[in-house]
Amino acid sequence: MEATILSGNLENLRASQLNQLKKLEKRKSFSKGIISFDLAKYITGLSLELNRQIGLLIDRQNIVRFVVLGTNKEIVIPILKRFGLIPGKLRGLRLVHTHLYGEDFTDDDITDLALLRLDSLSILHSSENGEPEKLKTAYLLPPNPENKIYDTLAETSIHNQIDDYISFVSSLEKEMQEKSQVLKNNNPFPSAILVGIYPNKKEASDKMAELKELTESAMLMVLDTYTQIKQEIHPKYVIGPGRLKEILIKAMQLSADFLIFDNVLSPAQAKNISDMTELKILDRTQLILDIFARRAKSNEGKLRVELAQLKHILPRLSVRDDSLSRLTGGIGGRGPGETKLEIDRRRINDRIAFLSKKLKEIERVRITQKSRRIKNRLPIVSIIGYTNAGKSTLLNSLTNSEIFADNLMFATLDTSSKRLRFPKEREVIITDTVGFIRDLPENLKGAFKSTLEELNDSDLLLHVIDISNENFEKHIASVNNILDELGLGDKPRIIVFNKVDKVDSELIDNIKNFYPEAIFISALNRSSFDLLLEEIQLILFKEGKNVDITY
């Protein structure tokens, strides 16, 4: 049997008092109710003597697993890693703790009940001489239309508790699982709640809408969104701790799987939030990395995504993670050997070095291919634009290809190249590049820098813009910023407004006033390409840049 953990405010205790607390270790509650009278009497009397709250975490075999000593106002529950959560289930532990002044449930009590998914939480009130008198119990509710989180049993005498507590909890958990399964059946994909901190409401609306698109592109269902208007994020939790607890409780109630932040989380912030919940915590960078990992098809794309992921993970390995702090090795060696954490760091660094070497080899092959293209002198047209602007669809329509395209952000990641034939036996290579996005994470900039640098070889850029997106002006600015970073701001460019079939003619006429040189098309309608093809020919072949090649 695993040892009982004694924790909390243990300072300034006499040896005899500490021994009295230790007598609670692995003690059994011989009662079909929540707690036996003898055990209740022991902790209320000791609590009064110490003038501190005492809490017991009792498992379903009625064995005391944790003893927590608090102040006269509160207790702090330790991390319960030994009792991990299974989705849809309760923790398997009930908390019984003393209140010294006859208080009702506090906000912290209900927060602990909800966030830790305890079987129940009971408070013990005692008489002036330490005799247990009243017991009041709160328990979580299954998902319900009112979104009510918890309910309470009627306050009773310690001698008049619920008849069969274990049966009560088992029935409650079964109902929770059944209702959670109904939710899962209705929402077959993993689910998420989105959180973002922004300086103003306009930015909050625009950026949260994009985060929602990214989340759906990662095949996650969005259950709810939370935005907060603040000039600075909370240094420890990104969002205020009180608000964070509310969100985490709602996430538990809705059976969410992920909590996704639009703000980039530092390693410390990610750990602090993870310590408060067993939900999977992601930030925008991790979400984009996950999408890239799903969509990369080529060997190079997969290697670059893995490299970016490892560089993102490395600083987030926590030295305080118990699972990474066990000693390994040491038998037949000098000293205690490496810690699990050190082994993980070393393995990741080795993998980063290996991937970097492989990508350099791929880069050499690309340089060789580039020299061949230069020799053949085929003009190159690169399609660029914000993610989900319709670049792949346009490439398919221009070249009668079947490259994967979908109404998702980053539906395609790997660069695709096709030949496009013009009159007079002229041909060009037309390529589709990875989509651009605002605030592209640094790891991703590094990972796809060489891919984007191929735009240096382009003779012409087709900047495709989704005219139906109300934020297209910001998308244009984001693309222009990335092109400037790559030193491509002066590259010949055609602005192509796509998806004109989704907007009215009045909007198109208005945009023409601001972008008189732009071309307006629907990538799904090849008959709308005439002006675009004429403009490509004019720019590429006006100086006789034509080639005669055999193929």
Protein backbone atom coordinates (compact mmCIF):
# COMPACT_ATOMS: atom_id res chain seq x y z
CA MET A 1 0.00 0.00 0.00
CA GLU A 2 1.33 3.46 -0.91
CA ALA A 3 2.18 5.78 1.96
CA THR A 4 -0.17 8.55 3.03
CA ILE A 5 1.16 12.04 2.26
CA LEU A 6 1.26 14.60 5.07
CA SER A 7 1.53 18.16 3.74
CA GLY A 8 0.65 21.78 4.35
CA ASN A 9 1.36 24.22 7.14
CA LEU A 10 3.57 22.03 9.35
CA GLU A 11 5.69 24.82 10.86
CA ASN A 12 5.99 25.38 14.60
CA LEU A 13 4.44 22.03 15.53
CA ARG A 14 5.56 20.15 18.62
CA ALA A 15 6.77 16.60 18.11
CA SER A 16 3.71 15.27 19.91
CA GLN A 17 1.37 17.21 17.60
CA LEU A 18 3.22 15.99 14.53
CA ASN A 19 2.89 12.44 15.82
CA GLN A 20 -0.85 12.95 16.27
CA LEU A 21 -1.11 13.98 12.61
CA LYS A 22 0.98 11.01 11.53
CA LYS A 23 -1.46 8.69 13.28
CA LEU A 24 -3.92 9.65 10.53
CA GLU A 25 -1.68 8.08 7.88
CA LYS A 26 -3.40 5.17 6.12
CA ARG A 27 -6.15 5.25 8.72
CA LYS A 28 -9.44 3.75 7.59
CA SER A 29 -12.87 5.30 7.97
CA PHE A 30 -15.07 2.44 9.18
CA SER A 31 -18.36 3.86 8.01
CA LYS A 32 -20.72 3.53 5.03
CA GLY A 33 -21.14 7.30 5.21
CA ILE A 34 -18.69 10.01 4.29
CA ILE A 35 -16.56 9.75 7.45
CA SER A 36 -16.79 7.68 10.60
CA PHE A 37 -17.63 9.40 13.88
CA ASP A 38 -14.33 8.34 15.48
CA LEU A 39 -12.23 9.75 12.64
CA ALA A 40 -14.30 12.94 12.56
CA LYS A 41 -13.90 13.37 16.31
CA TYR A 42 -10.15 12.86 16.08
CA ILE A 43 -9.61 15.60 13.46
CA THR A 44 -12.06 18.14 14.94
CA GLY A 45 -10.41 17.83 18.36
CA LEU A 46 -6.90 18.10 16.89
CA SER A 47 -7.97 20.97 14.64
CA LEU A 48 -9.25 22.91 17.65
CA GLU A 49 -6.04 22.22 19.57
CA LEU A 50 -3.81 23.39 16.72
CA ASN A 51 -6.16 26.21 15.69
CA ARG A 52 -5.67 25.10 12.08
CA GLN A 53 -7.94 23.48 9.55
CA ILE A 54 -7.28 19.80 8.89
CA GLY A 55 -8.25 18.10 5.64
CA LEU A 56 -8.39 14.41 4.80
CA LEU A 57 -8.48 13.06 1.26
CA ILE A 58 -10.10 9.64 1.47
CA ASP A 59 -10.26 7.10 -1.36
CA ARG A 60 -13.16 4.78 -2.22
CA GLN A 61 -11.71 2.03 -0.06
CA ASN A 62 -12.21 4.50 2.82
CA ILE A 63 -8.45 4.82 3.38
CA VAL A 64 -6.92 8.22 4.21
CA ARG A 65 -4.49 9.01 1.38
CA PHE A 66 -3.57 12.63 2.11
CA VAL A 67 -3.51 14.60 5.36
CA VAL A 68 -3.41 18.37 4.83
CA LEU A 69 -2.78 20.91 7.59
CA GLY A 70 -3.80 24.48 6.80
CA THR A 71 -4.17 27.81 8.54
CA ASN A 72 -7.19 28.75 10.64
CA LYS A 73 -8.89 29.98 7.43
CA GLU A 74 -7.91 27.59 4.61
CA ILE A 75 -6.06 24.51 3.43
CA VAL A 76 -4.01 24.07 0.27
CA ILE A 77 -4.46 20.71 -1.45
CA PRO A 78 -1.24 19.15 -2.78
CA ILE A 79 -0.76 17.97 -6.36
CA LEU A 80 -2.65 14.70 -6.78
CA LYS A 81 -0.58 13.03 -9.49
CA ARG A 82 -0.99 9.61 -7.90
CA PHE A 83 -4.70 9.87 -8.62
CA GLY A 84 -4.79 10.91 -12.26
CA LEU A 85 -8.02 11.83 -13.96
CA ILE A 86 -9.77 9.69 -16.54
CA PRO A 87 -12.01 11.72 -18.90
CA GLY A 88 -15.62 11.65 -17.74
CA LYS A 89 -14.72 10.30 -14.31
CA LEU A 90 -14.20 11.73 -10.85
CA ARG A 91 -10.90 11.75 -8.98
CA GLY A 92 -11.68 8.83 -6.66
CA LEU A 93 -10.94 10.99 -3.61
CA ARG A 94 -13.30 12.86 -1.30
CA LEU A 95 -12.15 15.77 0.82
CA VAL A 96 -13.36 16.21 4.39
CA HIS A 97 -11.96 19.21 6.24
CA THR A 98 -12.69 21.20 9.35
CA HIS A 99 -13.97 24.78 9.50
CA LEU A 100 -13.15 26.44 12.79
CA TYR A 101 -15.68 29.29 12.80
CA GLY A 102 -18.83 27.69 11.45
CA GLU A 103 -18.23 29.03 7.91
CA ASP A 104 -20.14 27.76 4.89
CA PHE A 105 -18.40 26.63 1.70
CA THR A 106 -15.89 29.18 0.49
CA ASP A 107 -15.14 30.05 -3.13
CA ASP A 108 -11.86 28.17 -2.77
CA ASP A 109 -13.75 25.06 -1.59
CA ILE A 110 -15.96 25.02 -4.67
CA THR A 111 -12.98 25.79 -6.95
CA ASP A 112 -11.06 22.84 -5.48
CA LEU A 113 -14.09 20.59 -5.90
CA ALA A 114 -14.50 21.55 -9.56
CA LEU A 115 -10.91 21.81 -10.73
CA LEU A 116 -9.72 18.67 -8.97
CA ARG A 117 -12.94 16.78 -9.79
CA LEU A 118 -13.17 15.42 -6.28
CA ASP A 119 -15.84 12.82 -5.50
CA SER A 120 -17.21 15.33 -2.99
CA LEU A 121 -16.11 18.03 -0.57
CA SER A 122 -17.40 18.07 3.01
CA ILE A 123 -16.91 20.59 5.80
CA LEU A 124 -16.99 19.56 9.46
CA HIS A 125 -18.30 21.91 12.13
CA SER A 126 -17.57 21.16 15.78
CA SER A 127 -18.68 22.26 19.21
CA GLU A 128 -16.57 24.43 21.49
CA ASN A 129 -15.00 21.36 23.06
CA GLY A 130 -14.04 19.85 19.67
CA GLU A 131 -16.91 17.36 19.31
CA PRO A 132 -18.02 16.94 15.66
CA GLU A 133 -21.57 18.19 15.14
CA LYS A 134 -22.57 19.11 11.58
CA LEU A 135 -21.46 17.84 8.19
CA LYS A 136 -22.20 19.63 4.94
CA THR A 137 -21.29 18.12 1.56
CA ALA A 138 -21.02 19.47 -2.00
CA TYR A 139 -20.67 17.37 -5.13
CA LEU A 140 -20.27 17.98 -8.86
CA LEU A 141 -23.18 17.64 -11.25
CA PRO A 142 -23.23 15.96 -14.66
CA PRO A 143 -23.59 18.26 -17.70
CA ASN A 144 -26.99 19.95 -17.49
CA PRO A 145 -28.99 22.57 -19.44
CA GLU A 146 -28.63 25.11 -16.63
CA ASN A 147 -24.83 24.68 -16.62
CA LYS A 148 -25.03 24.27 -12.86
CA ILE A 149 -21.66 23.08 -11.58
CA TYR A 150 -22.45 21.60 -8.20
CA ASP A 151 -25.14 20.80 -5.67
CA THR A 152 -25.15 20.09 -1.94
CA LEU A 153 -26.55 17.47 0.35
CA ALA A 154 -28.63 18.82 3.20
CA GLU A 155 -26.54 19.67 6.26
CA THR A 156 -26.85 16.80 8.71
CA SER A 157 -25.66 15.65 12.08
CA ILE A 158 -22.45 13.62 11.99
CA HIS A 159 -24.62 10.71 13.19
CA ASN A 160 -27.13 11.05 10.34
CA GLN A 161 -25.06 10.88 7.15
CA ILE A 162 -25.96 9.47 3.75
CA ASP A 163 -26.60 5.71 4.08
CA ASP A 164 -24.22 4.41 1.40
CA TYR A 165 -21.81 7.06 0.21
CA ILE A 166 -19.82 4.82 -2.19
CA SER A 167 -23.02 3.77 -4.03
CA PHE A 168 -24.04 7.43 -4.25
CA VAL A 169 -20.70 8.45 -5.82
CA SER A 170 -20.69 5.46 -8.18
CA SER A 171 -24.17 6.34 -9.46
CA LEU A 172 -23.19 9.98 -9.84
CA GLU A 173 -20.07 9.08 -11.81
CA LYS A 174 -22.01 6.69 -14.04
CA GLU A 175 -24.50 9.46 -14.88
CA MET A 176 -21.59 11.83 -15.61
CA GLN A 177 -19.99 9.32 -17.97
CA GLU A 178 -23.27 8.68 -19.80
CA LYS A 179 -23.97 12.39 -20.31
CA SER A 180 -20.38 13.10 -21.26
CA GLN A 181 -20.56 10.30 -23.82
CA VAL A 182 -23.66 11.86 -25.33
CA LEU A 183 -21.73 15.13 -25.70
CA LYS A 184 -18.81 13.26 -27.27
CA ASN A 185 -21.13 11.46 -29.68
CA ASN A 186 -22.59 14.79 -30.74
CA ASN A 187 -19.09 16.26 -31.03
CA PRO A 188 -16.90 13.42 -32.39
CA PHE A 189 -13.77 15.59 -32.59
CA PRO A 190 -11.62 16.63 -29.61
CA SER A 191 -12.89 19.91 -28.21
CA ALA A 192 -11.29 23.14 -27.03
CA ILE A 193 -11.98 26.39 -25.24
CA LEU A 194 -10.14 29.43 -26.65
CA VAL A 195 -8.65 32.26 -24.60
CA GLY A 196 -7.08 35.53 -25.71
CA ILE A 197 -5.89 38.77 -24.10
CA TYR A 198 -6.02 41.81 -26.40
CA PRO A 199 -5.54 45.59 -26.13
CA ASN A 200 -8.91 46.50 -27.73
CA LYS A 201 -12.22 44.98 -28.76
CA LYS A 202 -11.60 45.21 -32.53
CA GLU A 203 -8.36 43.28 -32.29
CA ALA A 204 -10.03 40.79 -29.94
CA SER A 205 -12.79 40.11 -32.45
CA ASP A 206 -10.48 39.73 -35.46
CA LYS A 207 -7.78 37.65 -33.80
CA MET A 208 -10.17 35.38 -31.93
CA ALA A 209 -11.99 34.67 -35.20
CA GLU A 210 -8.68 33.66 -36.77
CA LEU A 211 -7.77 31.49 -33.75
CA LYS A 212 -11.11 29.77 -34.14
CA GLU A 213 -10.31 29.07 -37.82
CA LEU A 214 -6.90 27.69 -36.85
CA THR A 215 -8.48 25.47 -34.20
CA GLU A 216 -11.01 24.07 -36.64
CA SER A 217 -8.22 23.54 -39.17
CA ALA A 218 -6.52 21.39 -36.51
CA MET A 219 -9.68 19.26 -36.42
CA LEU A 220 -10.73 20.51 -32.98
CA MET A 221 -14.25 21.61 -32.09
CA VAL A 222 -14.54 25.01 -30.41
CA LEU A 223 -16.87 24.85 -27.39
CA ASP A 224 -16.47 28.40 -26.14
CA THR A 225 -14.26 31.49 -26.39
CA TYR A 226 -13.06 33.96 -23.76
CA THR A 227 -11.47 37.34 -24.45
CA GLN A 228 -10.16 39.91 -22.02
CA ILE A 229 -9.30 43.50 -22.90
CA LYS A 230 -6.05 44.41 -21.13
CA GLN A 231 -2.91 46.25 -22.13
CA GLU A 232 -0.65 43.70 -20.45
CA ILE A 233 -1.06 40.00 -19.84
CA HIS A 234 -0.80 38.48 -16.36
CA PRO A 235 2.89 37.56 -15.84
CA LYS A 236 2.09 34.22 -14.20
CA TYR A 237 -1.19 32.99 -15.72
CA VAL A 238 -1.62 35.20 -18.85
CA ILE A 239 -5.20 35.82 -17.74
CA GLY A 240 -6.09 36.73 -14.14
CA PRO A 241 -6.10 33.69 -11.78
CA GLY A 242 -9.75 34.22 -10.80
CA ARG A 243 -10.87 34.38 -14.42
CA LEU A 244 -8.68 31.40 -15.27
CA LYS A 245 -10.34 29.30 -12.59
CA GLU A 246 -13.77 30.21 -13.99
CA ILE A 247 -12.66 29.11 -17.46
CA LEU A 248 -11.17 25.87 -16.18
CA ILE A 249 -14.36 25.01 -14.30
CA LYS A 250 -16.43 25.71 -17.43
CA ALA A 251 -14.04 23.54 -19.43
CA MET A 252 -14.55 20.68 -16.99
CA GLN A 253 -18.30 21.14 -17.14
CA LEU A 254 -18.28 21.02 -20.96
CA SER A 255 -15.84 18.06 -21.02
CA ALA A 256 -13.32 20.06 -23.06
CA ASP A 257 -10.03 18.42 -24.00
CA PHE A 258 -7.87 21.49 -24.71
CA LEU A 259 -7.39 25.03 -23.47
CA ILE A 260 -5.85 27.09 -26.29
CA PHE A 261 -4.34 30.57 -25.79
CA ASP A 262 -3.94 33.00 -28.66
CA ASN A 263 -1.11 34.61 -26.69
CA VAL A 264 2.31 32.97 -26.81
CA LEU A 265 2.94 31.22 -23.49
CA SER A 266 6.35 31.33 -21.88
CA PRO A 267 7.58 28.00 -20.45
CA ALA A 268 6.85 29.27 -16.93
CA GLN A 269 3.31 30.41 -17.83
CA ALA A 270 2.55 27.09 -19.52
CA LYS A 271 3.69 25.23 -16.41
CA ASN A 272 1.75 27.46 -14.01
CA ILE A 273 -1.47 26.94 -15.95
CA SER A 274 -0.84 23.20 -16.31
CA ASP A 275 -0.41 22.94 -12.54
CA MET A 276 -4.01 24.14 -12.15
CA THR A 277 -5.63 21.65 -14.53
CA GLU A 278 -5.17 18.35 -16.29
CA LEU A 279 -6.48 19.78 -19.56
CA LYS A 280 -3.98 19.92 -22.42
CA ILE A 281 -2.65 23.48 -22.68
CA LEU A 282 -1.63 24.90 -26.06
CA ASP A 283 -0.70 28.32 -27.32
CA ARG A 284 -1.01 29.66 -30.85
CA THR A 285 2.50 28.54 -31.80
CA GLN A 286 1.87 24.95 -30.70
CA LEU A 287 -1.46 24.93 -32.50
CA ILE A 288 0.14 26.02 -35.78
CA LEU A 289 2.94 23.49 -35.30
CA ASP A 290 0.34 20.78 -34.84
CA ILE A 291 -1.44 21.81 -38.05
CA PHE A 292 1.88 21.82 -39.91
CA ALA A 293 2.71 18.36 -38.54
CA ARG A 294 -0.65 17.03 -39.79
CA ARG A 295 -0.39 18.58 -43.25
CA ALA A 296 3.27 18.20 -44.18
CA LYS A 297 3.56 15.50 -46.85
CA SER A 298 7.05 15.80 -48.30
CA ASN A 299 10.09 14.48 -46.48
CA GLU A 300 11.55 17.98 -46.21
CA GLY A 301 8.30 19.41 -44.85
CA LYS A 302 8.11 16.72 -42.17
CA LEU A 303 11.73 17.29 -41.15
CA ARG A 304 11.26 21.05 -40.90
CA VAL A 305 8.11 20.70 -38.80
CA GLU A 306 9.79 18.21 -36.45
CA LEU A 307 12.76 20.54 -36.06
CA ALA A 308 10.48 23.46 -35.20
CA GLN A 309 8.57 21.33 -32.69
CA LEU A 310 11.73 20.16 -30.94
CA LYS A 311 13.07 23.71 -30.69
CA HIS A 312 9.75 24.74 -29.17
CA ILE A 313 9.71 21.85 -26.68
CA LEU A 314 13.31 22.09 -25.46
CA PRO A 315 13.00 25.17 -23.20
CA ARG A 316 9.71 23.82 -21.84
CA LEU A 317 11.17 20.71 -20.25
CA SER A 318 10.52 21.39 -16.58
CA VAL A 319 13.04 20.43 -13.93
CA ARG A 320 10.16 20.32 -11.45
CA ASP A 321 8.27 17.61 -13.30
CA ASP A 322 8.34 14.53 -11.07
CA SER A 323 8.21 12.21 -14.08
CA LEU A 324 11.47 13.75 -15.32
CA SER A 325 13.35 13.77 -12.02
CA ARG A 326 13.87 10.08 -11.33
CA LEU A 327 17.44 8.85 -11.48
CA THR A 328 18.25 6.26 -14.11
CA GLY A 329 21.37 4.29 -14.88
CA GLY A 330 24.24 4.41 -12.44
CA ILE A 331 24.72 0.62 -12.27
CA GLY A 332 28.30 -0.07 -13.25
CA GLY A 333 28.88 3.62 -13.89
CA ARG A 334 30.28 6.58 -12.01
CA GLY A 335 27.98 8.67 -9.86
CA PRO A 336 24.19 8.49 -9.86
CA GLY A 337 23.88 8.65 -13.64
CA GLU A 338 21.83 11.16 -15.63
CA THR A 339 18.40 12.32 -14.60
CA LYS A 340 15.48 11.59 -16.88
CA LEU A 341 15.33 15.31 -17.64
CA GLU A 342 18.99 15.41 -18.72
CA ILE A 343 18.49 12.35 -20.93
CA ASP A 344 15.47 13.96 -22.60
CA ARG A 345 17.39 17.19 -23.19
CA ARG A 346 20.34 15.32 -24.66
CA ARG A 347 18.15 13.23 -26.93
CA ILE A 348 16.32 16.30 -28.20
CA ASN A 349 19.59 18.14 -28.84
CA ASP A 350 20.94 15.09 -30.69
CA ARG A 351 17.78 14.92 -32.79
CA ILE A 352 17.97 18.65 -33.57
CA ALA A 353 21.56 18.22 -34.75
CA PHE A 354 20.57 15.23 -36.91
CA LEU A 355 17.62 17.04 -38.50
CA SER A 356 19.72 20.13 -39.17
CA LYS A 357 22.28 17.96 -40.97
CA LYS A 358 19.60 16.24 -43.08
CA LEU A 359 18.09 19.58 -44.07
CA LYS A 360 21.49 20.88 -45.15
CA GLU A 361 21.79 17.86 -47.44
CA ILE A 362 18.34 18.63 -48.88
CA GLU A 363 19.45 22.24 -49.33
CA ARG A 364 22.43 21.09 -51.42
CA VAL A 365 20.10 19.05 -53.64
CA ARG A 366 17.88 22.10 -54.05
CA ILE A 367 20.83 24.21 -55.13
CA THR A 368 21.65 21.61 -57.79
CA GLN A 369 18.05 21.64 -59.02
CA LYS A 370 18.10 25.41 -59.00
CA SER A 371 21.17 25.49 -61.25
CA ARG A 372 19.39 23.19 -63.71
CA ARG A 373 16.36 25.49 -63.78
CA ILE A 374 18.61 28.46 -64.43
CA LYS A 375 20.22 26.53 -67.26
CA ASN A 376 16.83 25.77 -68.80
CA ARG A 377 15.74 29.37 -68.23
CA LEU A 378 12.07 28.59 -67.49
CA PRO A 379 10.33 31.60 -65.97
CA ILE A 380 8.98 30.95 -62.47
CA VAL A 381 5.67 32.34 -61.16
CA SER A 382 5.05 31.90 -57.43
CA ILE A 383 1.59 32.09 -55.91
CA ILE A 384 1.74 33.73 -52.48
CA GLY A 385 -0.83 35.00 -50.03
CA TYR A 386 -2.38 34.70 -46.63
CA THR A 387 -3.39 31.22 -45.58
CA ASN A 388 -6.75 30.03 -46.97
CA ALA A 389 -6.80 32.69 -49.69
CA GLY A 390 -7.30 30.05 -52.41
CA LYS A 391 -3.73 29.61 -53.70
CA SER A 392 -3.88 25.83 -54.20
CA THR A 393 -7.28 26.07 -55.85
CA LEU A 394 -5.90 28.65 -58.28
CA LEU A 395 -2.91 26.42 -59.11
CA ASN A 396 -5.24 23.48 -59.74
CA SER A 397 -7.46 25.51 -62.04
CA LEU A 398 -4.56 27.03 -63.98
CA THR A 399 -2.79 23.72 -64.59
CA ASN A 400 -5.60 21.13 -64.47
CA SER A 401 -3.96 19.60 -61.41
CA GLU A 402 -5.40 17.86 -58.36
CA ILE A 403 -3.29 19.23 -55.52
CA PHE A 404 -5.16 18.94 -52.21
CA ALA A 405 -7.13 22.09 -51.46
CA ASP A 406 -9.74 22.77 -48.82
CA ASN A 407 -11.43 25.66 -47.05
CA LEU A 408 -9.00 25.37 -44.13
CA MET A 409 -6.04 27.36 -42.91
CA PHE A 410 -2.78 25.71 -44.02
CA ALA A 411 -4.66 23.06 -46.00
CA THR A 412 -1.43 22.57 -47.98
CA LEU A 413 2.10 23.16 -46.71
CA ASP A 414 4.48 21.62 -49.18
CA THR A 415 5.54 23.65 -52.19
CA SER A 416 3.99 22.33 -55.41
CA SER A 417 5.30 23.17 -58.89
CA LYS A 418 3.50 22.68 -62.20
CA ARG A 419 4.08 23.76 -65.80
CA LEU A 420 1.75 26.24 -67.43
CA ARG A 421 1.81 26.53 -71.24
CA PHE A 422 1.24 29.84 -73.00
CA PRO A 423 0.85 30.54 -76.75
CA LYS A 424 3.90 30.47 -79.02
CA GLU A 425 5.26 27.36 -77.24
CA ARG A 426 6.00 29.36 -74.15
CA GLU A 427 5.98 27.68 -70.74
CA VAL A 428 6.41 28.80 -67.17
CA ILE A 429 6.80 26.97 -63.90
CA ILE A 430 4.06 27.99 -61.49
CA THR A 431 4.50 27.18 -57.78
CA ASP A 432 2.22 27.25 -54.75
CA THR A 433 3.88 28.25 -51.46
CA VAL A 434 2.97 27.75 -47.82
CA GLY A 435 0.37 30.27 -46.64
CA PHE A 436 1.43 33.36 -44.73
CA ILE A 437 -0.09 34.34 -41.41
CA ARG A 438 0.15 37.25 -38.99
CA ASP A 439 2.73 37.04 -36.20
CA LEU A 440 4.32 33.94 -37.67
CA PRO A 441 6.14 32.27 -34.73
CA GLU A 442 9.92 32.58 -34.84
CA ASN A 443 10.41 28.80 -34.88
CA LEU A 444 8.22 28.59 -37.96
CA LYS A 445 9.99 31.47 -39.64
CA GLY A 446 13.23 29.58 -39.25
CA ALA A 447 11.70 26.27 -40.29
CA PHE A 448 10.25 27.57 -43.55
CA LYS A 449 12.70 30.34 -44.29
CA SER A 450 14.52 28.34 -46.95
CA THR A 451 11.20 27.36 -48.53
CA LEU A 452 10.13 30.99 -48.71
CA GLU A 453 13.59 32.02 -49.89
CA GLU A 454 12.85 30.06 -53.08
CA LEU A 455 10.74 33.08 -53.95
CA ASN A 456 14.09 34.76 -54.73
CA ASP A 457 14.20 32.65 -57.90
CA SER A 458 10.73 33.76 -58.97
CA ASP A 459 10.31 36.09 -61.89
CA LEU A 460 6.82 37.05 -60.80
CA LEU A 461 4.69 36.82 -57.66
CA LEU A 462 0.91 36.36 -57.75
CA HIS A 463 -0.33 37.81 -54.47
CA VAL A 464 -3.71 36.10 -53.95
CA ILE A 465 -6.14 37.82 -51.55
CA ASP A 466 -9.44 36.53 -50.21
CA ILE A 467 -11.75 39.44 -51.04
CA SER A 468 -14.54 37.89 -48.96
CA ASN A 469 -12.52 38.18 -45.75
CA GLU A 470 -13.27 41.46 -44.01
CA ASN A 471 -9.68 41.56 -42.70
CA PHE A 472 -8.08 41.31 -46.14
CA GLU A 473 -6.30 44.67 -45.67
CA LYS A 474 -4.49 43.28 -42.62
CA HIS A 475 -3.72 40.11 -44.53
CA ILE A 476 -2.14 42.17 -47.31
CA ALA A 477 -0.03 44.02 -44.73
CA SER A 478 1.11 40.72 -43.13
CA VAL A 479 2.18 39.30 -46.49
CA ASN A 480 3.98 42.52 -47.42
CA ASN A 481 5.84 42.51 -44.09
CA ILE A 482 7.09 38.95 -44.63
CA LEU A 483 8.15 39.77 -48.20
CA ASP A 484 10.07 42.80 -46.88
CA GLU A 485 11.77 40.59 -44.26
CA LEU A 486 12.87 38.27 -47.08
CA GLY A 487 14.10 41.19 -49.18
CA LEU A 488 11.43 40.57 -51.83
CA GLY A 489 9.51 43.81 -51.55
CA ASP A 490 10.60 44.97 -55.03
CA LYS A 491 9.86 41.68 -56.81
CA PRO A 492 7.38 42.07 -59.74
CA ARG A 493 3.94 41.32 -58.41
CA ILE A 494 0.34 40.99 -59.54
CA ILE A 495 -2.35 41.56 -56.93
CA VAL A 496 -5.12 39.01 -57.44
CA PHE A 497 -8.38 39.34 -55.52
CA ASN A 498 -9.94 35.88 -55.32
CA LYS A 499 -13.42 34.61 -54.38
CA VAL A 500 -15.28 37.41 -56.16
CA ASP A 501 -18.23 35.00 -56.39
CA LYS A 502 -18.73 35.48 -52.64
CA VAL A 503 -19.14 39.28 -52.62
CA ASP A 504 -21.36 41.81 -54.35
CA SER A 505 -20.30 43.99 -57.28
CA GLU A 506 -20.49 47.18 -55.20
CA LEU A 507 -17.66 45.98 -52.95
CA ILE A 508 -15.57 44.97 -55.97
CA ASP A 509 -16.04 48.41 -57.56
CA ASN A 510 -15.03 50.08 -54.30
CA ILE A 511 -11.85 48.00 -53.97
CA LYS A 512 -10.94 48.75 -57.61
CA ASN A 513 -10.70 52.41 -56.66
CA PHE A 514 -7.95 51.61 -54.14
CA TYR A 515 -6.26 48.85 -56.19
CA PRO A 516 -6.65 49.94 -59.83
CA GLU A 517 -3.94 47.54 -61.07
CA ALA A 518 -5.45 44.50 -59.33
CA ILE A 519 -7.15 41.59 -61.10
CA PHE A 520 -10.36 40.05 -59.80
CA ILE A 521 -11.07 36.35 -60.24
CA SER A 522 -12.79 33.31 -58.85
CA ALA A 523 -10.30 30.43 -58.66
CA LEU A 524 -13.22 28.06 -59.21
CA ASN A 525 -14.15 29.72 -62.51
CA ARG A 526 -11.49 29.40 -65.24
CA SER A 527 -13.35 31.84 -67.47
CA SER A 528 -12.35 34.62 -65.06
CA PHE A 529 -8.63 34.06 -65.74
CA ASP A 530 -8.32 35.91 -69.07
CA LEU A 531 -7.03 39.19 -67.66
CA LEU A 532 -4.71 37.37 -65.26
CA LEU A 533 -3.12 35.28 -68.02
CA GLU A 534 -2.70 38.34 -70.24
CA GLU A 535 -0.96 40.21 -67.43
CA ILE A 536 1.39 37.27 -66.73
CA GLN A 537 2.36 37.12 -70.43
CA LEU A 538 2.89 40.88 -70.59
CA ILE A 539 5.25 40.91 -67.61
CA LEU A 540 7.18 37.72 -68.39
CA PHE A 541 7.49 37.86 -72.15
CA LYS A 542 7.51 41.55 -73.00
CA GLU A 543 11.32 41.38 -73.34
CA GLY A 544 11.29 38.13 -75.23
CA LYS A 545 11.82 35.91 -72.22
CA ASN A 546 10.64 32.82 -74.02
CA VAL A 547 12.26 29.42 -74.25
CA ASP A 548 12.03 26.46 -76.58
CA ILE A 549 12.50 23.26 -74.61
CA THR A 550 11.84 19.67 -75.41
CA TYR A 551 9.79 17.73 -72.96
